[in-house]
Amino acid sequence: MPVSPKPLYDLFVIGGGINGAAIACDAAGRGLAVALAEERDFAEGTSSRSSKLIHGGLRYLETYDFRLVRHALQEREILMAKAPHLVWPIRLVLPHVPSLRPRWMIRLGLIFYDLLARRRRLPGSQSIDLRQHPFGQALKPSLTHAFAYSDCRGDDARLVIANVQGAAAHGADIYARHRFMAAHRHPGHWQIELQSMLTRQRLDIRAKVLVNAAGPWVIAVGETIDGVATARRLRLVRGSHIVVPRQWEGDHGYFLQTQDNRTMEAFPYEDDFTSIGTTDEPWNDAPEKVTVSDKEIDYMLAEVNQFLRKPVSRADIVWQYSGVRPLFDVGGGRDSDLSTLTRDYAFEINGGEGQAPALTVFGGKLTTHRRLAEHAMTELARVFPGMSPGRTRTETLPGGDFGAGGMEGFVADLQRGFPWLPERQLCRYAKLYGTKARDFLSDAQSAADLGPGFGADLYRREVDYLMDKEWALTAEDVVWRRTKLGLRLSKVEIDALGAYMASRRPAWV
């Protein structure tokens, strides 16, 4: 059903990326009356275009950002427990190149990486001989030594959806496809103007606190909020990736040193593919216009082919994507110097005594979204002195409540309940939705009960669930953010899916 606004919200969040979703989830879990508005699809911007890693950030050790690395490593452990269906361990292999960083430096850095935060689930780093170890089979014979260490992969877009679902489960109102127009400060509250992108209906919302978590659009949004325009300098940095067919056996990935003294990852993606990236280039246009350039593709292919035994070419690319990271200066460097930009986050709180406050969020990483949200609520504690303690450190996200049996136990349970489901399809459901897969499987007794198929293993019942319960509206929402089945579906199949979705009205509209 469409949202009916409350007379007065405690907290109104602008932006349905990972930071906005996490703040809404945290605040609603504390018992506050929360609303979240997103103009486009959830995670449509930066939050679905990351490197898909939940990691400490080994390369940040070289910039001495130890605090960020330690916090990220701590969050890595928390997220593995909170969302075990969306965050999974990966073993990364860092081949040694004699002309670049010396072996002793890499080994010392990895030991430090292991010790910066307690590891309960992941093995520590090790030196390996690529001539003897299976990890060397995909690499050129000239590479003889490497180091292996642990991090995690994560489904960025689905982490956003899980946080939005978590907020809704705690009573938050979700204004999907609603554009934030303006906010006007009044004594004790904000008057907020929204417009539905579907019906063009205007809504007036009142809230005690406003949170601007608009990511790359945070400065532009701030200019439409009374008295909240910031002088902080935001820098947009483009990061691009390419996806090619699977390049090696095994679940391990590679963390590669590039010739320009940067790093690049290559790791298994969606079972049958390999993801390669990322780049790091200034972006000076509107964030929504970001695209992968030919120069970036050439760069990624050249660098990865320095390492892989079997070269990758442009003809191998099955998908490419690019995102804009909103970073801010910490060193006042030159426009071309990206080393002065931090991957950490920062807040600005606007509003004096008796004024309705506004909190603006700058920067942040996918890995630290939960910590960012917890910190934001700590900053706002003076406004809500009676709010409940935070619960996000221990509370699982929707779908992650596997119990003692973990993912393996849940998959086995699904196999017993739905023995007619192909194993690959069943595992896909478990990985994407966790225990919420039962919400749409429910009483299905055979494949026929899932409805007509659109291709791959996508059936109408799953699509209806995504439309009604996950705010999906278009085929792109389904095939590139909710499921990644765009890698397996043809244009004709995607068009047929889009036609079906256009003929159906979601429950929340």
Protein backbone atom coordinates (compact mmCIF):
# COMPACT_ATOMS: atom_id res chain seq x y z
CA MET A 1 0.00 0.00 0.00
CA PRO A 2 1.18 3.60 -0.61
CA VAL A 3 2.73 5.30 2.42
CA SER A 4 0.48 7.49 4.52
CA PRO A 5 2.72 10.14 6.13
CA LYS A 6 2.90 10.40 9.91
CA PRO A 7 2.08 13.78 11.45
CA LEU A 8 5.69 14.20 12.60
CA TYR A 9 8.72 11.99 12.02
CA ASP A 10 11.69 11.94 14.34
CA LEU A 11 14.13 11.45 11.47
CA PHE A 12 13.84 11.98 7.73
CA VAL A 13 16.62 10.51 5.56
CA ILE A 14 17.35 11.75 2.03
CA GLY A 15 19.06 9.12 -0.12
CA GLY A 16 18.53 5.39 -0.61
CA GLY A 17 22.14 4.35 -1.04
CA ILE A 18 24.01 2.30 1.52
CA ASN A 19 24.57 5.17 3.98
CA GLY A 20 20.99 6.43 3.95
CA ALA A 21 19.59 2.91 4.18
CA ALA A 22 21.88 2.03 7.09
CA ILE A 23 21.00 5.20 9.02
CA ALA A 24 17.28 4.57 8.53
CA CYS A 25 17.72 0.96 9.67
CA ASP A 26 19.69 1.93 12.78
CA ALA A 27 17.33 4.76 13.76
CA ALA A 28 14.16 2.72 13.26
CA GLY A 29 15.66 -0.09 15.32
CA ARG A 30 16.05 2.37 18.19
CA GLY A 31 12.31 3.04 18.20
CA LEU A 32 12.35 6.35 16.35
CA ALA A 33 9.71 7.34 13.79
CA VAL A 34 11.74 7.27 10.57
CA ALA A 35 11.13 8.03 6.90
CA LEU A 36 13.48 7.42 3.97
CA ALA A 37 13.10 8.91 0.48
CA GLU A 38 14.91 7.89 -2.71
CA GLU A 39 14.28 9.50 -6.09
CA ARG A 40 15.41 6.58 -8.25
CA ASP A 41 15.89 2.91 -7.45
CA PHE A 42 17.61 1.99 -4.20
CA ALA A 43 21.37 1.61 -4.74
CA GLU A 44 21.05 2.84 -8.33
CA GLY A 45 24.02 5.18 -7.92
CA THR A 46 27.36 4.51 -6.25
CA SER A 47 26.06 1.77 -3.96
CA SER A 48 25.55 -0.77 -6.75
CA ARG A 49 28.77 0.11 -8.58
CA SER A 50 31.44 -0.76 -6.06
CA SER A 51 34.20 -3.34 -6.25
CA LYS A 52 31.89 -5.77 -4.39
CA LEU A 53 34.48 -6.18 -1.63
CA ILE A 54 33.94 -5.99 2.13
CA HIS A 55 37.51 -5.36 3.15
CA GLY A 56 39.87 -3.48 5.39
CA GLY A 57 41.60 -1.81 2.47
CA LEU A 58 45.13 -3.17 2.34
CA ARG A 59 46.26 -0.32 0.09
CA TYR A 60 45.25 2.27 2.70
CA LEU A 61 48.13 1.12 4.89
CA GLU A 62 50.49 2.87 2.48
CA THR A 63 48.74 6.18 3.17
CA TYR A 64 48.95 5.52 6.93
CA ASP A 65 45.17 5.48 7.29
CA PHE A 66 45.39 2.89 10.05
CA ARG A 67 42.23 4.05 11.80
CA LEU A 68 40.11 3.49 8.68
CA VAL A 69 41.66 0.06 8.07
CA ARG A 70 41.12 -1.05 11.66
CA HIS A 71 37.50 0.09 11.68
CA ALA A 72 36.85 -1.56 8.32
CA LEU A 73 38.36 -4.85 9.50
CA GLN A 74 36.17 -4.76 12.60
CA GLU A 75 33.10 -4.16 10.44
CA ARG A 76 34.09 -7.01 8.14
CA GLU A 77 33.66 -9.41 11.05
CA ILE A 78 30.34 -7.86 12.08
CA LEU A 79 28.89 -7.98 8.57
CA MET A 80 29.79 -11.64 8.09
CA ALA A 81 27.57 -12.37 11.10
CA LYS A 82 24.83 -9.84 10.27
CA ALA A 83 24.38 -10.81 6.63
CA PRO A 84 25.94 -14.25 6.03
CA HIS A 85 24.01 -14.62 2.76
CA LEU A 86 25.40 -11.34 1.38
CA VAL A 87 28.98 -11.28 2.71
CA TRP A 88 31.36 -14.23 2.06
CA PRO A 89 35.06 -14.88 2.71
CA ILE A 90 37.51 -14.80 -0.17
CA ARG A 91 41.18 -15.69 -0.28
CA LEU A 92 43.11 -13.04 -2.22
CA VAL A 93 46.49 -13.72 -3.80
CA LEU A 94 49.01 -10.90 -4.16
CA PRO A 95 51.75 -11.91 -6.65
CA HIS A 96 55.14 -10.40 -6.00
CA VAL A 97 56.64 -8.30 -8.80
CA PRO A 98 60.36 -7.69 -8.08
CA SER A 99 60.37 -4.29 -9.81
CA LEU A 100 57.59 -2.96 -7.57
CA ARG A 101 57.20 -3.28 -3.78
CA PRO A 102 59.83 -5.48 -2.07
CA ARG A 103 58.74 -8.78 -0.57
CA TRP A 104 59.63 -7.79 2.98
CA MET A 105 57.41 -4.71 2.76
CA ILE A 106 54.41 -6.72 1.52
CA ARG A 107 54.86 -9.41 4.16
CA LEU A 108 55.19 -6.82 6.92
CA GLY A 109 52.09 -5.02 5.70
CA LEU A 110 50.06 -8.23 5.68
CA ILE A 111 51.17 -9.15 9.19
CA PHE A 112 50.06 -5.69 10.32
CA TYR A 113 46.78 -6.17 8.43
CA ASP A 114 46.21 -9.46 10.29
CA LEU A 115 46.87 -7.83 13.67
CA LEU A 116 44.93 -4.58 13.30
CA ALA A 117 41.64 -6.23 14.27
CA ARG A 118 40.63 -9.54 15.83
CA ARG A 119 39.84 -12.30 13.32
CA ARG A 120 37.31 -14.90 14.43
CA ARG A 121 36.36 -16.41 11.09
CA LEU A 122 39.15 -15.80 8.58
CA PRO A 123 42.62 -17.36 8.29
CA GLY A 124 45.68 -15.15 8.42
CA SER A 125 48.09 -14.30 5.63
CA GLN A 126 50.84 -16.56 4.31
CA SER A 127 53.68 -16.63 1.80
CA ILE A 128 53.23 -19.09 -1.08
CA ASP A 129 55.35 -20.54 -3.84
CA LEU A 130 53.35 -20.08 -7.06
CA ARG A 131 55.38 -22.83 -8.76
CA GLN A 132 53.93 -25.38 -6.34
CA HIS A 133 50.59 -23.90 -5.24
CA PRO A 134 47.31 -24.17 -7.23
CA PHE A 135 46.94 -20.38 -6.95
CA GLY A 136 49.77 -20.07 -9.49
CA GLN A 137 48.02 -22.00 -12.28
CA ALA A 138 46.21 -18.95 -13.70
CA LEU A 139 49.31 -16.73 -13.56
CA LYS A 140 52.29 -16.33 -15.85
CA PRO A 141 55.17 -18.76 -15.10
CA SER A 142 57.52 -15.82 -14.53
CA LEU A 143 55.62 -15.05 -11.29
CA THR A 144 57.08 -17.37 -8.68
CA HIS A 145 56.21 -15.90 -5.28
CA ALA A 146 53.01 -14.47 -3.80
CA PHE A 147 51.19 -13.78 -0.58
CA ALA A 148 47.67 -14.93 0.27
CA TYR A 149 45.40 -13.19 2.75
CA SER A 150 41.71 -13.04 3.65
CA ASP A 151 38.99 -10.50 2.97
CA CYS A 152 35.34 -10.73 1.93
CA ARG A 153 33.15 -10.24 -1.08
CA GLY A 154 29.72 -8.67 -0.73
CA ASP A 155 26.59 -7.98 -2.75
CA ASP A 156 26.49 -4.20 -2.52
CA ALA A 157 23.02 -3.55 -3.96
CA ARG A 158 21.42 -6.30 -1.91
CA LEU A 159 23.04 -4.97 1.27
CA VAL A 160 21.21 -1.72 0.55
CA ILE A 161 17.90 -3.54 0.06
CA ALA A 162 18.44 -5.55 3.25
CA ASN A 163 18.99 -2.35 5.23
CA VAL A 164 15.88 -0.74 3.73
CA GLN A 165 13.89 -3.87 4.57
CA GLY A 166 15.35 -3.76 8.07
CA ALA A 167 14.22 -0.17 8.48
CA ALA A 168 10.73 -1.03 7.21
CA ALA A 169 10.52 -4.04 9.54
CA HIS A 170 11.12 -1.66 12.45
CA GLY A 171 8.34 0.65 11.28
CA ALA A 172 10.11 3.11 8.98
CA ASP A 173 8.09 4.59 6.13
CA ILE A 174 9.80 4.09 2.77
CA TYR A 175 9.15 6.71 0.09
CA ALA A 176 10.43 4.87 -2.96
CA ARG A 177 10.68 6.86 -6.22
CA HIS A 178 10.11 10.17 -4.44
CA ARG A 179 12.21 13.20 -5.24
CA PHE A 180 13.32 15.44 -2.42
CA MET A 181 12.42 18.98 -3.55
CA ALA A 182 13.26 21.23 -0.60
CA ALA A 183 13.25 21.55 3.18
CA HIS A 184 12.34 24.62 5.20
CA ARG A 185 13.33 25.05 8.82
CA HIS A 186 10.61 25.92 11.32
CA PRO A 187 10.80 26.09 15.13
CA GLY A 188 11.39 22.52 16.27
CA HIS A 189 10.89 20.81 12.90
CA TRP A 190 11.58 20.69 9.18
CA GLN A 191 8.90 21.11 6.53
CA ILE A 192 9.93 18.79 3.70
CA GLU A 193 8.62 18.79 0.16
CA LEU A 194 8.55 15.51 -1.79
CA GLN A 195 7.24 14.62 -5.22
CA SER A 196 6.35 11.15 -6.43
CA MET A 197 8.27 10.31 -9.60
CA LEU A 198 5.39 8.03 -10.65
CA THR A 199 2.23 10.04 -9.92
CA ARG A 200 3.77 13.55 -9.68
CA GLN A 201 1.83 13.99 -6.46
CA ARG A 202 3.36 16.46 -4.00
CA LEU A 203 3.73 15.56 -0.32
CA ASP A 204 4.48 17.74 2.67
CA ILE A 205 6.36 15.94 5.44
CA ARG A 206 7.33 17.16 8.91
CA ALA A 207 10.36 15.84 10.79
CA LYS A 208 12.41 16.84 13.82
CA VAL A 209 15.77 15.96 12.20
CA LEU A 210 16.88 15.87 8.59
CA VAL A 211 19.70 13.65 7.29
CA ASN A 212 21.29 14.36 3.90
CA ALA A 213 22.84 11.08 2.74
CA ALA A 214 22.63 11.77 -0.99
CA GLY A 215 26.13 10.50 -1.81
CA PRO A 216 27.56 12.17 -4.93
CA TRP A 217 24.55 14.54 -4.94
CA VAL A 218 25.03 15.63 -1.32
CA ILE A 219 26.19 19.16 -2.17
CA ALA A 220 23.36 19.77 -4.66
CA VAL A 221 20.78 18.48 -2.18
CA GLY A 222 22.26 20.64 0.58
CA GLU A 223 21.63 23.73 -1.53
CA THR A 224 17.88 23.04 -1.40
CA ILE A 225 17.83 22.86 2.42
CA ASP A 226 17.37 26.14 4.29
CA GLY A 227 20.63 27.30 5.83
CA VAL A 228 22.54 24.02 5.28
CA ALA A 229 24.72 24.74 2.23
CA THR A 230 28.28 23.62 3.01
CA ALA A 231 31.68 24.99 2.10
CA ARG A 232 33.19 21.51 2.22
CA ARG A 233 34.89 20.49 -1.01
CA LEU A 234 33.65 17.23 -2.47
CA ARG A 235 35.63 15.49 -5.18
CA LEU A 236 34.05 12.90 -7.47
CA VAL A 237 36.25 9.97 -8.48
CA ARG A 238 35.24 7.48 -11.17
CA GLY A 239 35.83 3.80 -10.58
CA SER A 240 35.14 1.39 -13.44
CA HIS A 241 35.01 -2.39 -13.78
CA ILE A 242 34.76 -4.96 -16.52
CA VAL A 243 33.29 -8.47 -16.28
CA VAL A 244 34.55 -11.35 -18.43
CA PRO A 245 33.93 -15.12 -18.49
CA ARG A 246 35.48 -17.10 -15.62
CA GLN A 247 39.26 -17.14 -15.99
CA TRP A 248 40.35 -19.80 -13.48
CA GLU A 249 39.10 -22.60 -11.27
CA GLY A 250 38.69 -21.98 -7.57
CA ASP A 251 37.05 -19.34 -5.40
CA HIS A 252 40.20 -17.30 -4.81
CA GLY A 253 40.87 -13.89 -6.33
CA TYR A 254 43.95 -11.84 -7.17
CA PHE A 255 45.07 -8.52 -5.73
CA LEU A 256 47.43 -7.11 -8.35
CA GLN A 257 50.07 -4.40 -8.22
CA THR A 258 49.81 -2.15 -11.26
CA GLN A 259 52.62 -0.46 -13.15
CA ASP A 260 51.49 2.99 -11.93
CA ASN A 261 51.93 1.84 -8.31
CA ARG A 262 48.23 1.32 -7.69
CA THR A 263 46.37 -1.95 -7.14
CA MET A 264 43.64 -3.84 -8.97
CA GLU A 265 41.43 -6.80 -8.06
CA ALA A 266 40.32 -9.74 -10.17
CA PHE A 267 38.01 -12.28 -8.57
CA PRO A 268 35.19 -14.75 -9.32
CA TYR A 269 31.84 -13.08 -9.91
CA GLU A 270 28.36 -14.63 -10.11
CA ASP A 271 29.79 -18.16 -10.44
CA ASP A 272 30.62 -18.09 -14.16
CA PHE A 273 32.40 -14.75 -14.50
CA THR A 274 35.42 -12.76 -13.38
CA SER A 275 35.30 -9.13 -12.24
CA ILE A 276 38.29 -6.88 -12.97
CA GLY A 277 38.84 -3.36 -11.59
CA THR A 278 38.95 -0.67 -10.45
CA THR A 279 40.16 2.58 -11.94
CA ASP A 280 40.62 5.85 -10.07
CA GLU A 281 40.01 8.97 -12.17
CA PRO A 282 38.59 12.43 -11.45
CA TRP A 283 35.00 12.91 -12.64
CA ASN A 284 33.81 16.44 -13.35
CA ASP A 285 30.38 15.83 -14.86
CA ALA A 286 27.02 14.97 -13.28
CA PRO A 287 27.25 11.70 -11.30
CA GLU A 288 24.38 10.11 -13.21
CA LYS A 289 26.27 10.53 -16.50
CA VAL A 290 29.24 8.38 -15.49
CA THR A 291 30.34 5.75 -18.01
CA VAL A 292 33.36 3.54 -18.60
CA SER A 293 35.86 5.10 -21.01
CA ASP A 294 37.90 3.30 -23.67
CA LYS A 295 41.03 4.51 -21.89
CA GLU A 296 39.95 2.77 -18.69
CA ILE A 297 39.20 -0.47 -20.51
CA ASP A 298 42.61 -0.39 -22.16
CA TYR A 299 44.21 0.27 -18.78
CA MET A 300 42.43 -2.60 -17.01
CA LEU A 301 43.16 -5.08 -19.79
CA ALA A 302 46.83 -4.08 -19.99
CA GLU A 303 47.34 -4.36 -16.24
CA VAL A 304 45.55 -7.67 -15.70
CA ASN A 305 47.33 -9.18 -18.71
CA GLN A 306 50.64 -8.48 -16.99
CA PHE A 307 49.68 -11.32 -14.66
CA LEU A 308 47.24 -13.76 -16.27
CA ARG A 309 48.58 -16.73 -18.20
CA LYS A 310 45.61 -16.55 -20.56
CA PRO A 311 45.22 -12.96 -21.86
CA VAL A 312 41.85 -11.17 -21.66
CA SER A 313 40.67 -9.08 -24.63
CA ARG A 314 37.91 -6.58 -25.35
CA ALA A 315 35.98 -9.34 -27.09
CA ASP A 316 35.73 -11.17 -23.75
CA ILE A 317 33.91 -8.34 -21.96
CA VAL A 318 30.29 -9.27 -21.18
CA TRP A 319 29.47 -6.31 -18.93
CA GLN A 320 31.04 -3.11 -17.76
CA TYR A 321 29.98 -0.60 -15.15
CA SER A 322 31.21 2.61 -13.62
CA GLY A 323 30.42 4.48 -10.42
CA VAL A 324 31.30 7.79 -8.83
CA ARG A 325 32.77 7.85 -5.34
CA PRO A 326 32.11 11.08 -3.41
CA LEU A 327 35.38 11.75 -1.58
CA PHE A 328 36.56 14.81 0.27
CA ASP A 329 39.93 16.49 0.75
CA VAL A 330 42.01 15.96 3.84
CA GLY A 331 45.26 17.47 2.60
CA GLY A 332 44.31 20.34 0.31
CA GLY A 333 46.16 18.77 -2.60
CA ARG A 334 46.13 19.62 -6.27
CA ASP A 335 43.05 18.85 -8.34
CA SER A 336 44.92 16.00 -10.01
CA ASP A 337 46.24 14.55 -6.74
CA LEU A 338 43.84 11.86 -5.53
CA SER A 339 46.12 10.92 -2.64
CA THR A 340 44.68 13.75 -0.52
CA LEU A 341 41.21 12.19 -0.68
CA THR A 342 40.09 9.94 2.14
CA ARG A 343 37.80 6.90 1.82
CA ASP A 344 36.57 7.61 5.35
CA TYR A 345 33.42 9.55 6.16
CA ALA A 346 32.65 12.83 7.90
CA PHE A 347 29.56 14.58 9.27
CA GLU A 348 28.42 18.17 9.49
CA ILE A 349 25.60 19.05 11.88
CA ASN A 350 23.76 22.28 11.24
CA GLY A 351 21.38 23.81 13.77
CA GLY A 352 21.88 25.82 16.94
CA GLU A 353 20.01 25.74 20.22
CA GLY A 354 16.28 25.42 19.60
CA GLN A 355 16.72 24.84 15.86
CA ALA A 356 15.80 21.69 14.03
CA PRO A 357 19.12 19.96 13.23
CA ALA A 358 20.31 18.69 9.87
CA LEU A 359 23.08 16.11 9.57
CA THR A 360 25.04 15.91 6.31
CA VAL A 361 27.03 12.79 5.45
CA PHE A 362 30.19 13.01 3.34
CA GLY A 363 32.09 10.06 1.89
CA GLY A 364 32.13 6.60 3.38
CA LYS A 365 32.83 3.04 2.25
CA LEU A 366 30.50 0.11 1.69
CA THR A 367 32.36 -1.82 4.40
CA THR A 368 31.83 0.81 7.10
CA HIS A 369 28.18 1.67 6.43
CA ARG A 370 26.91 0.14 9.68
CA ARG A 371 29.52 1.97 11.75
CA LEU A 372 28.73 5.23 9.95
CA ALA A 373 25.04 4.85 10.81
CA GLU A 374 25.79 4.04 14.46
CA HIS A 375 28.09 7.06 14.66
CA ALA A 376 25.43 9.30 13.09
CA MET A 377 22.91 8.29 15.75
CA THR A 378 25.49 8.95 18.47
CA GLU A 379 25.88 12.47 17.06
CA LEU A 380 22.11 12.93 17.25
CA ALA A 381 21.72 11.48 20.76
CA ARG A 382 21.17 14.94 22.28
CA VAL A 383 18.08 15.37 20.13
CA PHE A 384 16.64 11.98 21.12
CA PRO A 385 17.77 11.43 24.73
CA GLY A 386 15.18 8.71 25.29
CA MET A 387 15.93 6.56 22.25
CA SER A 388 16.79 2.90 22.71
CA PRO A 389 20.37 1.65 22.40
CA GLY A 390 21.60 0.65 18.96
CA ARG A 391 21.07 -2.96 17.93
CA THR A 392 22.82 -3.16 14.56
CA ARG A 393 26.05 -4.60 15.93
CA THR A 394 24.31 -7.88 16.77
CA GLU A 395 20.98 -7.89 14.94
CA THR A 396 20.98 -9.81 11.67
CA LEU A 397 19.69 -8.11 8.55
CA PRO A 398 16.50 -9.53 6.99
CA GLY A 399 17.26 -12.91 5.46
CA GLY A 400 20.39 -13.51 7.51
CA ASP A 401 18.80 -15.37 10.44
CA PHE A 402 20.13 -18.85 9.58
CA GLY A 403 20.57 -20.00 13.14
CA ALA A 404 23.17 -22.50 14.29
CA GLY A 405 23.18 -24.40 11.00
CA GLY A 406 24.38 -21.38 9.05
CA MET A 407 24.02 -21.08 5.29
CA GLU A 408 24.75 -24.77 4.70
CA GLY A 409 22.03 -25.80 7.11
CA PHE A 410 19.54 -23.45 5.52
CA VAL A 411 20.31 -24.68 2.01
CA ALA A 412 19.85 -28.28 3.18
CA ASP A 413 16.53 -27.30 4.74
CA LEU A 414 15.40 -25.70 1.48
CA GLN A 415 16.40 -28.82 -0.43
CA ARG A 416 14.22 -30.93 1.85
CA GLY A 417 11.28 -28.55 1.52
CA PHE A 418 11.57 -27.96 -2.22
CA PRO A 419 13.25 -31.07 -3.68
CA TRP A 420 12.01 -30.21 -7.18
CA LEU A 421 14.08 -27.00 -7.32
CA PRO A 422 17.34 -27.33 -9.33
CA GLU A 423 20.32 -27.00 -7.00
CA ARG A 424 21.76 -23.96 -8.78
CA GLN A 425 18.45 -22.11 -8.62
CA LEU A 426 17.92 -23.01 -4.97
CA CYS A 427 21.43 -21.84 -4.06
CA ARG A 428 20.82 -18.58 -5.93
CA TYR A 429 17.69 -17.97 -3.86
CA ALA A 430 19.55 -18.72 -0.63
CA LYS A 431 22.42 -16.41 -1.53
CA LEU A 432 20.26 -13.47 -2.64
CA TYR A 433 17.38 -13.64 -0.19
CA GLY A 434 18.51 -15.85 2.66
CA THR A 435 15.56 -16.97 4.78
CA LYS A 436 13.29 -14.50 2.97
CA ALA A 437 13.36 -16.86 -0.02
CA ARG A 438 10.54 -18.64 1.80
CA ASP A 439 8.40 -15.51 1.38
CA PHE A 440 7.92 -16.22 -2.30
CA LEU A 441 8.52 -19.97 -2.38
CA SER A 442 5.98 -20.52 0.42
CA ASP A 443 3.36 -22.97 -0.89
CA ALA A 444 5.00 -23.76 -4.25
CA GLN A 445 4.81 -27.51 -4.97
CA SER A 446 6.46 -27.58 -8.40
CA ALA A 447 8.20 -25.39 -10.97
CA ALA A 448 4.80 -24.69 -12.52
CA ASP A 449 3.78 -22.87 -9.33
CA LEU A 450 6.55 -20.31 -9.92
CA GLY A 451 4.70 -19.03 -12.97
CA PRO A 452 5.98 -18.31 -16.48
CA GLY A 453 9.72 -17.95 -16.93
CA PHE A 454 11.60 -15.00 -18.42
CA GLY A 455 14.85 -16.85 -19.08
CA ALA A 456 17.75 -18.21 -17.02
CA ASP A 457 15.92 -19.31 -13.83
CA LEU A 458 13.87 -16.13 -13.35
CA TYR A 459 10.14 -16.80 -12.88
CA ARG A 460 7.13 -14.58 -12.35
CA ARG A 461 6.75 -15.38 -8.67
CA GLU A 462 10.24 -14.05 -7.90
CA VAL A 463 9.60 -10.96 -10.02
CA ASP A 464 6.32 -10.27 -8.20
CA TYR A 465 8.14 -10.57 -4.89
CA LEU A 466 10.82 -8.13 -6.03
CA MET A 467 8.20 -5.64 -7.17
CA ASP A 468 5.99 -5.85 -4.07
CA LYS A 469 8.56 -6.38 -1.30
CA GLU A 470 11.80 -4.91 -2.66
CA TRP A 471 10.49 -1.84 -4.50
CA ALA A 472 11.66 -2.98 -7.95
CA LEU A 473 9.91 -1.15 -10.79
CA THR A 474 11.85 -1.82 -14.00
CA ALA A 475 13.65 -4.71 -15.64
CA GLU A 476 16.96 -2.97 -14.94
CA ASP A 477 16.16 -2.95 -11.22
CA VAL A 478 15.68 -6.71 -11.33
CA VAL A 479 18.42 -7.91 -13.67
CA TRP A 480 21.28 -5.59 -12.62
CA ARG A 481 20.66 -4.72 -8.98
CA ARG A 482 18.39 -7.33 -7.37
CA THR A 483 19.69 -10.47 -9.14
CA LYS A 484 22.55 -9.76 -11.66
CA LEU A 485 20.73 -12.05 -14.10
CA GLY A 486 21.40 -9.48 -16.82
CA LEU A 487 24.62 -11.47 -17.31
CA ARG A 488 22.56 -14.46 -18.44
CA LEU A 489 19.47 -12.99 -20.10
CA SER A 490 19.23 -11.83 -23.72
CA LYS A 491 17.91 -8.41 -24.72
CA VAL A 492 14.70 -10.04 -25.96
CA GLU A 493 14.21 -11.73 -22.57
CA ILE A 494 14.93 -8.50 -20.67
CA ASP A 495 12.48 -6.61 -22.87
CA ALA A 496 9.79 -9.23 -22.18
CA LEU A 497 10.45 -8.87 -18.46
CA GLY A 498 10.17 -5.09 -18.75
CA ALA A 499 6.86 -5.38 -20.59
CA TYR A 500 5.44 -7.62 -17.86
CA MET A 501 6.61 -5.30 -15.08
CA ALA A 502 5.14 -2.26 -16.88
CA SER A 503 1.77 -4.03 -16.99
CA ARG A 504 1.69 -4.63 -13.25
CA ARG A 505 1.21 -2.15 -10.41
CA PRO A 506 3.49 -2.82 -7.42
CA ALA A 507 1.85 -3.01 -4.00
CA TRP A 508 3.65 0.12 -2.73
CA VAL A 509 2.56 2.49 -5.51
